[in-house]
Amino acid sequence: MAQSRRNLIALLMLTTLLAACRNPVEGLFFHPDRINYGDPRQFGLAHENVFFDAPDGSRLHGWFLRAPKPQATVLHLHGNAANVSNHLPLIAWMPGAGFNVLIFDYRGFGRSTGQPTLDGVVEDAAAALRYLRTRGDVDAQRLILFGQSIGGATALRLLAADSSARTGVRMVITDSSFDSYRGIAREVAISSVVLAPFVPLALPLLPGAQHDPVTAIAKLEIPVVVMHGTHDAVIPFAHGERLNAAAREPKRMLRVERGEHMDAVTRPEVRKALVEAMLAALTTPSPPAPLPRGERGAS
């Protein structure tokens, strides 16, 4: 079963790689589409269609989901396939648990314009945070980042690289995320006879160790939750273990027994644990705002 799923993933990656003449690396990592899989009305959610701009000029689309009495606002960064409407069921429960959610599409996904790149989706996540801070119905000091699969890697890279992005962010949650760009590309490609020959060509084009999620998570001084399924056939459980090992305290590892890729939040016990962790993070003092460039604290 696991091997069959890996073969299917390898085939999809190869198909996209051959089609994506613009950049073979992006073809390995991104599989967007513009199919409408549903919308918030199916879940009875109070919502708003929102649009905001990325630094490259791409127009990004998302849904802002309102909680009746919000405890905080969650920025959701989805995985590498389909679009926001496909990922919506994974977070549709959050408003009912007391959290606003902004779920949006990276450039080139769904109704968002542009073409996805590994650096570009980090810029898109930063743009989404900036947008949230402009809303009068969002407490900019009570923000939580929740990234799934490549979204988790993106969240970690953003927070580690940009001190201003961390302002008001009380917790980061990763689900089914990888610890290394080159590592996961190598693992998936080596398992496929057709993709293996592309490894030497693709790896040098990927972000190096200094940009890896495992490097980024070690720099963060906010609460971290790493969750991962033990039976994840897409990104093996060992990636989650390494992310958790590198993270600073306070941290929590949610080991999802027999869990597959990104299915953790379909389980009531995992949702309960996440809500408890988020509420606990919100009771701790907010980290101080970063000093303006050129200023230094007292020595």
C-alpha atoms as a PDB file:
ATOM      1  CA  MET A   1       0.000   0.000   0.000  1.00  0.00           C
ATOM      2  CA  ALA A   2       2.717   2.459   1.027  1.00  0.00           C
ATOM      3  CA  GLN A   3       4.878   1.529  -1.960  1.00  0.00           C
ATOM      4  CA  SER A   4       1.935   1.928  -4.339  1.00  0.00           C
ATOM      5  CA  ARG A   5       1.300   5.384  -2.959  1.00  0.00           C
ATOM      6  CA  ARG A   6       4.959   6.306  -3.354  1.00  0.00           C
ATOM      7  CA  ASN A   7       4.897   5.079  -6.956  1.00  0.00           C
ATOM      8  CA  LEU A   8       1.844   7.237  -7.648  1.00  0.00           C
ATOM      9  CA  ILE A   9       3.566  10.261  -6.098  1.00  0.00           C
ATOM     10  CA  ALA A  10       6.665   9.582  -8.186  1.00  0.00           C
ATOM     11  CA  LEU A  11       4.560   9.397 -11.339  1.00  0.00           C
ATOM     12  CA  LEU A  12       2.828  12.681 -10.544  1.00  0.00           C
ATOM     13  CA  MET A  13       6.153  14.316  -9.829  1.00  0.00           C
ATOM     14  CA  LEU A  14       7.640  13.066 -13.091  1.00  0.00           C
ATOM     15  CA  THR A  15       4.621  14.211 -15.094  1.00  0.00           C
ATOM     16  CA  THR A  16       4.827  17.675 -13.594  1.00  0.00           C
ATOM     17  CA  LEU A  17       8.596  17.745 -13.947  1.00  0.00           C
ATOM     18  CA  LEU A  18       8.373  17.071 -17.676  1.00  0.00           C
ATOM     19  CA  ALA A  19       5.614  19.639 -18.110  1.00  0.00           C
ATOM     20  CA  ALA A  20       7.220  22.351 -15.998  1.00  0.00           C
ATOM     21  CA  CYS A  21       9.900  23.518 -18.381  1.00  0.00           C
ATOM     22  CA  ARG A  22      10.075  26.841 -16.531  1.00  0.00           C
ATOM     23  CA  ASN A  23      11.804  25.193 -13.563  1.00  0.00           C
ATOM     24  CA  PRO A  24      12.081  21.441 -12.868  1.00  0.00           C
ATOM     25  CA  VAL A  25      12.470  22.042  -9.136  1.00  0.00           C
ATOM     26  CA  GLU A  26       9.093  23.743  -8.843  1.00  0.00           C
ATOM     27  CA  GLY A  27       7.594  20.856 -10.806  1.00  0.00           C
ATOM     28  CA  LEU A  28       8.890  18.472  -8.170  1.00  0.00           C
ATOM     29  CA  PHE A  29       7.328  20.373  -5.284  1.00  0.00           C
ATOM     30  CA  PHE A  30       4.085  21.950  -6.520  1.00  0.00           C
ATOM     31  CA  HIS A  31       0.938  20.391  -8.037  1.00  0.00           C
ATOM     32  CA  PRO A  32      -1.668  23.170  -8.110  1.00  0.00           C
ATOM     33  CA  ASP A  33      -5.028  23.088  -9.843  1.00  0.00           C
ATOM     34  CA  ARG A  34      -8.041  25.379 -10.229  1.00  0.00           C
ATOM     35  CA  ILE A  35     -10.799  22.836  -9.569  1.00  0.00           C
ATOM     36  CA  ASN A  36     -13.539  23.929  -7.168  1.00  0.00           C
ATOM     37  CA  TYR A  37     -13.842  21.185  -4.547  1.00  0.00           C
ATOM     38  CA  GLY A  38     -16.266  23.116  -2.340  1.00  0.00           C
ATOM     39  CA  ASP A  39     -16.530  26.251  -0.226  1.00  0.00           C
ATOM     40  CA  PRO A  40     -17.234  27.349   3.363  1.00  0.00           C
ATOM     41  CA  ARG A  41     -20.998  27.367   2.849  1.00  0.00           C
ATOM     42  CA  GLN A  42     -20.949  23.565   2.872  1.00  0.00           C
ATOM     43  CA  PHE A  43     -19.756  23.718   6.478  1.00  0.00           C
ATOM     44  CA  GLY A  44     -22.082  26.517   7.549  1.00  0.00           C
ATOM     45  CA  LEU A  45     -19.133  28.834   8.164  1.00  0.00           C
ATOM     46  CA  ALA A  46     -19.336  32.605   8.398  1.00  0.00           C
ATOM     47  CA  HIS A  47     -16.746  33.643   5.840  1.00  0.00           C
ATOM     48  CA  GLU A  48     -15.431  36.331   3.537  1.00  0.00           C
ATOM     49  CA  ASN A  49     -13.674  36.067   0.186  1.00  0.00           C
ATOM     50  CA  VAL A  50     -10.430  38.025   0.506  1.00  0.00           C
ATOM     51  CA  PHE A  51      -7.716  39.125  -1.913  1.00  0.00           C
ATOM     52  CA  PHE A  52      -4.308  40.601  -1.191  1.00  0.00           C
ATOM     53  CA  ASP A  53      -1.075  41.122  -3.098  1.00  0.00           C
ATOM     54  CA  ALA A  54       2.200  39.235  -2.975  1.00  0.00           C
ATOM     55  CA  PRO A  55       5.496  41.119  -3.410  1.00  0.00           C
ATOM     56  CA  ASP A  56       5.872  39.862  -6.987  1.00  0.00           C
ATOM     57  CA  GLY A  57       2.502  41.353  -7.947  1.00  0.00           C
ATOM     58  CA  SER A  58       0.544  38.096  -7.767  1.00  0.00           C
ATOM     59  CA  ARG A  59      -3.032  38.505  -6.532  1.00  0.00           C
ATOM     60  CA  LEU A  60      -3.694  35.971  -3.784  1.00  0.00           C
ATOM     61  CA  HIS A  61      -7.132  34.618  -2.898  1.00  0.00           C
ATOM     62  CA  GLY A  62      -8.325  33.180   0.367  1.00  0.00           C
ATOM     63  CA  TRP A  63     -11.211  32.775   2.783  1.00  0.00           C
ATOM     64  CA  PHE A  64     -11.385  34.456   6.147  1.00  0.00           C
ATOM     65  CA  LEU A  65     -13.429  32.214   8.428  1.00  0.00           C
ATOM     66  CA  ARG A  66     -14.949  33.923  11.461  1.00  0.00           C
ATOM     67  CA  ALA A  67     -15.296  32.341  14.876  1.00  0.00           C
ATOM     68  CA  PRO A  68     -18.278  33.527  16.979  1.00  0.00           C
ATOM     69  CA  LYS A  69     -16.027  34.447  19.936  1.00  0.00           C
ATOM     70  CA  PRO A  70     -12.440  34.210  18.673  1.00  0.00           C
ATOM     71  CA  GLN A  71      -9.618  33.367  21.056  1.00  0.00           C
ATOM     72  CA  ALA A  72      -7.032  34.007  18.326  1.00  0.00           C
ATOM     73  CA  THR A  73      -6.568  33.926  14.554  1.00  0.00           C
ATOM     74  CA  VAL A  74      -4.930  31.010  12.750  1.00  0.00           C
ATOM     75  CA  LEU A  75      -3.063  31.471   9.481  1.00  0.00           C
ATOM     76  CA  HIS A  76      -3.308  28.159   7.645  1.00  0.00           C
ATOM     77  CA  LEU A  77      -0.617  27.246   5.097  1.00  0.00           C
ATOM     78  CA  HIS A  78      -1.776  24.275   3.049  1.00  0.00           C
ATOM     79  CA  GLY A  79       0.072  21.472   1.283  1.00  0.00           C
ATOM     80  CA  ASN A  80       1.518  21.390  -2.211  1.00  0.00           C
ATOM     81  CA  ALA A  81      -1.429  20.065  -4.243  1.00  0.00           C
ATOM     82  CA  ALA A  82      -4.847  21.207  -5.539  1.00  0.00           C
ATOM     83  CA  ASN A  83      -5.994  24.495  -3.940  1.00  0.00           C
ATOM     84  CA  VAL A  84      -7.648  26.082  -0.926  1.00  0.00           C
ATOM     85  CA  SER A  85     -11.031  24.464  -1.558  1.00  0.00           C
ATOM     86  CA  ASN A  86      -9.472  20.997  -1.320  1.00  0.00           C
ATOM     87  CA  HIS A  87      -7.790  21.749   2.018  1.00  0.00           C
ATOM     88  CA  LEU A  88     -10.739  23.515   3.616  1.00  0.00           C
ATOM     89  CA  PRO A  89     -12.193  20.374   5.311  1.00  0.00           C
ATOM     90  CA  LEU A  90      -9.002  20.014   7.348  1.00  0.00           C
ATOM     91  CA  ILE A  91      -9.534  23.297   9.192  1.00  0.00           C
ATOM     92  CA  ALA A  92     -13.311  23.854   8.916  1.00  0.00           C
ATOM     93  CA  TRP A  93     -13.664  22.757  12.561  1.00  0.00           C
ATOM     94  CA  MET A  94     -11.466  25.550  13.931  1.00  0.00           C
ATOM     95  CA  PRO A  95     -13.999  28.441  13.964  1.00  0.00           C
ATOM     96  CA  GLY A  96     -16.327  26.296  16.066  1.00  0.00           C
ATOM     97  CA  ALA A  97     -13.436  25.723  18.482  1.00  0.00           C
ATOM     98  CA  GLY A  98     -12.969  29.468  18.901  1.00  0.00           C
ATOM     99  CA  PHE A  99     -10.414  30.455  16.262  1.00  0.00           C
ATOM    100  CA  ASN A 100     -10.669  32.699  13.232  1.00  0.00           C
ATOM    101  CA  VAL A 101      -8.857  31.180  10.253  1.00  0.00           C
ATOM    102  CA  LEU A 102      -7.307  32.684   7.142  1.00  0.00           C
ATOM    103  CA  ILE A 103      -6.843  29.914   4.585  1.00  0.00           C
ATOM    104  CA  PHE A 104      -5.427  31.105   1.280  1.00  0.00           C
ATOM    105  CA  ASP A 105      -3.857  29.921  -1.952  1.00  0.00           C
ATOM    106  CA  TYR A 106      -0.220  30.462  -2.798  1.00  0.00           C
ATOM    107  CA  ARG A 107       0.554  32.088  -6.145  1.00  0.00           C
ATOM    108  CA  GLY A 108      -0.511  29.813  -9.009  1.00  0.00           C
ATOM    109  CA  PHE A 109      -3.008  27.821  -6.922  1.00  0.00           C
ATOM    110  CA  GLY A 110      -6.781  28.101  -7.308  1.00  0.00           C
ATOM    111  CA  ARG A 111      -7.842  31.707  -7.916  1.00  0.00           C
ATOM    112  CA  SER A 112      -4.405  33.135  -7.092  1.00  0.00           C
ATOM    113  CA  THR A 113      -2.343  34.416  -9.998  1.00  0.00           C
ATOM    114  CA  GLY A 114       1.346  33.829 -10.682  1.00  0.00           C
ATOM    115  CA  GLN A 115       3.580  30.763 -10.539  1.00  0.00           C
ATOM    116  CA  PRO A 116       4.622  28.991  -7.327  1.00  0.00           C
ATOM    117  CA  THR A 117       8.248  28.860  -6.231  1.00  0.00           C
ATOM    118  CA  LEU A 118       9.809  27.664  -2.980  1.00  0.00           C
ATOM    119  CA  ASP A 119      10.911  31.182  -2.044  1.00  0.00           C
ATOM    120  CA  GLY A 120       7.715  32.684  -3.440  1.00  0.00           C
ATOM    121  CA  VAL A 121       5.374  30.772  -1.143  1.00  0.00           C
ATOM    122  CA  VAL A 122       7.350  32.084   1.849  1.00  0.00           C
ATOM    123  CA  GLU A 123       6.747  35.607   0.516  1.00  0.00           C
ATOM    124  CA  ASP A 124       3.054  34.731   0.115  1.00  0.00           C
ATOM    125  CA  ALA A 125       2.846  33.602   3.740  1.00  0.00           C
ATOM    126  CA  ALA A 126       4.436  36.878   4.838  1.00  0.00           C
ATOM    127  CA  ALA A 127       1.900  38.796   2.740  1.00  0.00           C
ATOM    128  CA  ALA A 128      -0.933  36.853   4.403  1.00  0.00           C
ATOM    129  CA  LEU A 129       0.365  37.796   7.850  1.00  0.00           C
ATOM    130  CA  ARG A 130       0.610  41.443   6.834  1.00  0.00           C
ATOM    131  CA  TYR A 131      -2.953  41.302   5.536  1.00  0.00           C
ATOM    132  CA  LEU A 132      -4.242  39.837   8.809  1.00  0.00           C
ATOM    133  CA  ARG A 133      -2.631  42.663  10.748  1.00  0.00           C
ATOM    134  CA  THR A 134      -4.645  45.199   8.736  1.00  0.00           C
ATOM    135  CA  ARG A 135      -8.002  43.745   9.780  1.00  0.00           C
ATOM    136  CA  GLY A 136      -9.889  45.472  12.550  1.00  0.00           C
ATOM    137  CA  ASP A 137     -11.489  42.180  13.625  1.00  0.00           C
ATOM    138  CA  VAL A 138      -8.123  40.452  14.200  1.00  0.00           C
ATOM    139  CA  ASP A 139      -6.032  40.785  17.361  1.00  0.00           C
ATOM    140  CA  ALA A 140      -2.548  41.079  15.839  1.00  0.00           C
ATOM    141  CA  GLN A 141      -1.013  39.974  19.149  1.00  0.00           C
ATOM    142  CA  ARG A 142      -2.838  36.637  19.102  1.00  0.00           C
ATOM    143  CA  LEU A 143      -1.775  34.888  15.898  1.00  0.00           C
ATOM    144  CA  ILE A 144      -1.003  31.201  15.304  1.00  0.00           C
ATOM    145  CA  LEU A 145       0.619  29.641  12.231  1.00  0.00           C
ATOM    146  CA  PHE A 146      -0.551  26.171  11.201  1.00  0.00           C
ATOM    147  CA  GLY A 147       1.308  24.629   8.269  1.00  0.00           C
ATOM    148  CA  GLN A 148       0.679  21.239   6.708  1.00  0.00           C
ATOM    149  CA  SER A 149       3.295  19.370   4.678  1.00  0.00           C
ATOM    150  CA  ILE A 150       5.153  22.000   2.621  1.00  0.00           C
ATOM    151  CA  GLY A 151       3.065  24.598   4.455  1.00  0.00           C
ATOM    152  CA  GLY A 152       4.810  23.637   7.685  1.00  0.00           C
ATOM    153  CA  ALA A 153       8.212  24.049   6.063  1.00  0.00           C
ATOM    154  CA  THR A 154       7.087  27.423   4.728  1.00  0.00           C
ATOM    155  CA  ALA A 155       5.869  28.601   8.144  1.00  0.00           C
ATOM    156  CA  LEU A 156       9.154  27.693   9.802  1.00  0.00           C
ATOM    157  CA  ARG A 157      11.256  29.375   7.115  1.00  0.00           C
ATOM    158  CA  LEU A 158       9.206  32.552   7.344  1.00  0.00           C
ATOM    159  CA  LEU A 159       9.363  32.878  11.121  1.00  0.00           C
ATOM    160  CA  ALA A 160      13.081  32.100  11.302  1.00  0.00           C
ATOM    161  CA  ALA A 161      14.062  34.491   8.522  1.00  0.00           C
ATOM    162  CA  ASP A 162      11.902  37.522   9.339  1.00  0.00           C
ATOM    163  CA  SER A 163      11.796  38.875  12.882  1.00  0.00           C
ATOM    164  CA  SER A 164       8.942  41.229  12.020  1.00  0.00           C
ATOM    165  CA  ALA A 165       6.842  38.236  10.946  1.00  0.00           C
ATOM    166  CA  ARG A 166       7.130  36.838  14.469  1.00  0.00           C
ATOM    167  CA  THR A 167       5.457  39.838  16.089  1.00  0.00           C
ATOM    168  CA  GLY A 168       2.265  38.657  17.775  1.00  0.00           C
ATOM    169  CA  VAL A 169       2.728  35.032  16.677  1.00  0.00           C
ATOM    170  CA  ARG A 170       2.115  32.921  19.767  1.00  0.00           C
ATOM    171  CA  MET A 171       2.648  29.425  18.347  1.00  0.00           C
ATOM    172  CA  VAL A 172       3.571  27.499  15.215  1.00  0.00           C
ATOM    173  CA  ILE A 173       2.109  24.079  14.401  1.00  0.00           C
ATOM    174  CA  THR A 174       3.488  21.752  11.744  1.00  0.00           C
ATOM    175  CA  ASP A 175       1.679  18.701  10.423  1.00  0.00           C
ATOM    176  CA  SER A 176       3.308  16.022   8.235  1.00  0.00           C
ATOM    177  CA  SER A 177       6.181  18.348   7.351  1.00  0.00           C
ATOM    178  CA  PHE A 178       9.675  17.494   6.126  1.00  0.00           C
ATOM    179  CA  ASP A 179      12.916  18.554   7.764  1.00  0.00           C
ATOM    180  CA  SER A 180      15.042  19.101   4.629  1.00  0.00           C
ATOM    181  CA  TYR A 181      14.205  20.147   1.056  1.00  0.00           C
ATOM    182  CA  ARG A 182      17.022  18.164  -0.484  1.00  0.00           C
ATOM    183  CA  GLY A 183      16.427  15.279   1.890  1.00  0.00           C
ATOM    184  CA  ILE A 184      12.779  14.738   0.989  1.00  0.00           C
ATOM    185  CA  ALA A 185      13.441  15.232  -2.725  1.00  0.00           C
ATOM    186  CA  ARG A 186      16.195  12.632  -2.565  1.00  0.00           C
ATOM    187  CA  GLU A 187      14.031  10.142  -0.648  1.00  0.00           C
ATOM    188  CA  VAL A 188      11.092  10.371  -3.043  1.00  0.00           C
ATOM    189  CA  ALA A 189      13.203  10.353  -6.190  1.00  0.00           C
ATOM    190  CA  ILE A 190      15.482   7.492  -5.141  1.00  0.00           C
ATOM    191  CA  SER A 191      12.419   5.280  -4.569  1.00  0.00           C
ATOM    192  CA  SER A 192      11.492   5.691  -8.241  1.00  0.00           C
ATOM    193  CA  VAL A 193      13.468   4.255 -11.148  1.00  0.00           C
ATOM    194  CA  VAL A 194      12.178   7.005 -13.448  1.00  0.00           C
ATOM    195  CA  LEU A 195      12.980   9.887 -11.103  1.00  0.00           C
ATOM    196  CA  ALA A 196      16.328   8.713  -9.738  1.00  0.00           C
ATOM    197  CA  PRO A 197      18.358  10.002 -12.732  1.00  0.00           C
ATOM    198  CA  PHE A 198      17.047  13.540 -12.089  1.00  0.00           C
ATOM    199  CA  VAL A 199      18.393  13.691  -8.510  1.00  0.00           C
ATOM    200  CA  PRO A 200      21.893  15.018  -9.350  1.00  0.00           C
ATOM    201  CA  LEU A 201      20.335  17.734 -11.531  1.00  0.00           C
ATOM    202  CA  ALA A 202      17.610  18.820  -9.110  1.00  0.00           C
ATOM    203  CA  LEU A 203      19.340  18.803  -5.722  1.00  0.00           C
ATOM    204  CA  PRO A 204      21.732  21.720  -6.336  1.00  0.00           C
ATOM    205  CA  LEU A 205      18.726  23.877  -7.300  1.00  0.00           C
ATOM    206  CA  LEU A 206      16.960  23.300  -3.971  1.00  0.00           C
ATOM    207  CA  PRO A 207      17.422  25.439  -0.839  1.00  0.00           C
ATOM    208  CA  GLY A 208      20.510  24.459   1.145  1.00  0.00           C
ATOM    209  CA  ALA A 209      20.759  23.435   4.780  1.00  0.00           C
ATOM    210  CA  GLN A 210      20.698  27.039   6.005  1.00  0.00           C
ATOM    211  CA  HIS A 211      17.103  27.329   4.720  1.00  0.00           C
ATOM    212  CA  ASP A 212      15.905  23.898   5.831  1.00  0.00           C
ATOM    213  CA  PRO A 213      12.912  23.625   8.176  1.00  0.00           C
ATOM    214  CA  VAL A 214      15.045  21.748  10.720  1.00  0.00           C
ATOM    215  CA  THR A 215      17.479  24.682  10.789  1.00  0.00           C
ATOM    216  CA  ALA A 216      14.650  27.191  11.044  1.00  0.00           C
ATOM    217  CA  ILE A 217      12.785  25.495  13.877  1.00  0.00           C
ATOM    218  CA  ALA A 218      15.911  25.511  16.034  1.00  0.00           C
ATOM    219  CA  LYS A 219      15.936  29.335  15.941  1.00  0.00           C
ATOM    220  CA  LEU A 220      12.372  29.875  17.168  1.00  0.00           C
ATOM    221  CA  GLU A 221      11.608  30.954  20.714  1.00  0.00           C
ATOM    222  CA  ILE A 222       7.841  30.480  20.599  1.00  0.00           C
ATOM    223  CA  PRO A 223       5.835  27.356  21.483  1.00  0.00           C
ATOM    224  CA  VAL A 224       5.982  24.676  18.803  1.00  0.00           C
ATOM    225  CA  VAL A 225       3.761  21.681  18.114  1.00  0.00           C
ATOM    226  CA  VAL A 226       5.042  19.053  15.683  1.00  0.00           C
ATOM    227  CA  MET A 227       2.524  16.395  14.675  1.00  0.00           C
ATOM    228  CA  HIS A 228       3.138  13.521  12.339  1.00  0.00           C
ATOM    229  CA  GLY A 229       1.543  10.202  11.486  1.00  0.00           C
ATOM    230  CA  THR A 230       3.586   7.077  12.109  1.00  0.00           C
ATOM    231  CA  HIS A 231       2.335   5.577   8.815  1.00  0.00           C
ATOM    232  CA  ASP A 232       2.915   8.634   6.629  1.00  0.00           C
ATOM    233  CA  ALA A 233       3.953   7.215   3.240  1.00  0.00           C
ATOM    234  CA  VAL A 234       4.556  10.636   1.692  1.00  0.00           C
ATOM    235  CA  ILE A 235       6.835  12.229   4.290  1.00  0.00           C
ATOM    236  CA  PRO A 236       8.115   9.568   6.708  1.00  0.00           C
ATOM    237  CA  PHE A 237       7.575   9.948  10.442  1.00  0.00           C
ATOM    238  CA  ALA A 238      11.326  10.350  10.994  1.00  0.00           C
ATOM    239  CA  HIS A 239      11.112  13.867   9.522  1.00  0.00           C
ATOM    240  CA  GLY A 240       8.710  14.897  12.278  1.00  0.00           C
ATOM    241  CA  GLU A 241      10.957  13.334  14.904  1.00  0.00           C
ATOM    242  CA  ARG A 242      13.942  15.321  13.662  1.00  0.00           C
ATOM    243  CA  LEU A 243      11.948  18.565  13.621  1.00  0.00           C
ATOM    244  CA  ASN A 244      10.815  17.975  17.188  1.00  0.00           C
ATOM    245  CA  ALA A 245      14.333  17.111  18.337  1.00  0.00           C
ATOM    246  CA  ALA A 246      15.668  20.372  16.888  1.00  0.00           C
ATOM    247  CA  ALA A 247      12.929  22.585  18.362  1.00  0.00           C
ATOM    248  CA  ARG A 248      13.475  24.543  21.547  1.00  0.00           C
ATOM    249  CA  GLU A 249      11.202  24.360  24.560  1.00  0.00           C
ATOM    250  CA  PRO A 250       8.321  24.817  24.974  1.00  0.00           C
ATOM    251  CA  LYS A 251       7.491  22.178  22.415  1.00  0.00           C
ATOM    252  CA  ARG A 252       5.194  19.215  22.002  1.00  0.00           C
ATOM    253  CA  MET A 253       5.319  16.212  19.698  1.00  0.00           C
ATOM    254  CA  LEU A 254       1.941  14.769  18.709  1.00  0.00           C
ATOM    255  CA  ARG A 255       2.691  11.253  17.534  1.00  0.00           C
ATOM    256  CA  VAL A 256      -0.344  10.084  15.546  1.00  0.00           C
ATOM    257  CA  GLU A 257      -0.395   6.309  15.736  1.00  0.00           C
ATOM    258  CA  ARG A 258      -1.096   4.722  12.354  1.00  0.00           C
ATOM    259  CA  GLY A 259      -1.702   8.210  11.003  1.00  0.00           C
ATOM    260  CA  GLU A 260      -1.174   8.862   7.308  1.00  0.00           C
ATOM    261  CA  HIS A 261      -0.216  12.067   5.504  1.00  0.00           C
ATOM    262  CA  MET A 262      -2.136  15.072   6.884  1.00  0.00           C
ATOM    263  CA  ASP A 263      -4.945  13.005   8.376  1.00  0.00           C
ATOM    264  CA  ALA A 264      -4.162  13.921  12.001  1.00  0.00           C
ATOM    265  CA  VAL A 265      -6.759  16.702  12.253  1.00  0.00           C
ATOM    266  CA  THR A 266      -9.521  14.350  11.146  1.00  0.00           C
ATOM    267  CA  ARG A 267      -9.215  12.745  14.598  1.00  0.00           C
ATOM    268  CA  PRO A 268     -11.200  14.255  17.490  1.00  0.00           C
ATOM    269  CA  GLU A 269      -8.462  13.487  20.026  1.00  0.00           C
ATOM    270  CA  VAL A 270      -5.878  15.364  17.946  1.00  0.00           C
ATOM    271  CA  ARG A 271      -8.173  18.364  17.543  1.00  0.00           C
ATOM    272  CA  LYS A 272      -8.696  18.410  21.313  1.00  0.00           C
ATOM    273  CA  ALA A 273      -4.937  18.286  21.932  1.00  0.00           C
ATOM    274  CA  LEU A 274      -4.331  21.101  19.440  1.00  0.00           C
ATOM    275  CA  VAL A 275      -6.955  23.365  21.021  1.00  0.00           C
ATOM    276  CA  GLU A 276      -5.448  22.747  24.455  1.00  0.00           C
ATOM    277  CA  ALA A 277      -1.968  23.568  23.150  1.00  0.00           C
ATOM    278  CA  MET A 278      -3.143  26.741  21.414  1.00  0.00           C
ATOM    279  CA  LEU A 279      -5.026  27.999  24.455  1.00  0.00           C
ATOM    280  CA  ALA A 280      -1.996  27.285  26.640  1.00  0.00           C
ATOM    281  CA  ALA A 281       0.249  29.263  24.282  1.00  0.00           C
ATOM    282  CA  LEU A 282      -2.161  32.198  24.421  1.00  0.00           C
ATOM    283  CA  THR A 283      -1.837  32.413  28.212  1.00  0.00           C
ATOM    284  CA  THR A 284       1.922  32.997  28.009  1.00  0.00           C
ATOM    285  CA  PRO A 285       3.219  36.555  27.549  1.00  0.00           C
ATOM    286  CA  SER A 286       3.575  37.669  23.951  1.00  0.00           C
ATOM    287  CA  PRO A 287       7.215  37.840  22.807  1.00  0.00           C
ATOM    288  CA  PRO A 288       8.551  41.417  22.683  1.00  0.00           C
ATOM    289  CA  ALA A 289       8.416  43.218  19.357  1.00  0.00           C
ATOM    290  CA  PRO A 290      11.732  43.239  17.476  1.00  0.00           C
ATOM    291  CA  LEU A 291      13.839  46.367  17.754  1.00  0.00           C
ATOM    292  CA  PRO A 292      14.069  48.594  14.699  1.00  0.00           C
ATOM    293  CA  ARG A 293      17.135  48.056  12.563  1.00  0.00           C
ATOM    294  CA  GLY A 294      20.226  49.658  14.031  1.00  0.00           C
ATOM    295  CA  GLU A 295      18.914  49.707  17.625  1.00  0.00           C
ATOM    296  CA  ARG A 296      20.261  47.446  20.328  1.00  0.00           C
ATOM    297  CA  GLY A 297      18.995  46.424  23.689  1.00  0.00           C
ATOM    298  CA  ALA A 298      20.739  47.299  26.934  1.00  0.00           C
ATOM    299  CA  SER A 299      23.892  45.294  27.521  1.00  0.00           C
END
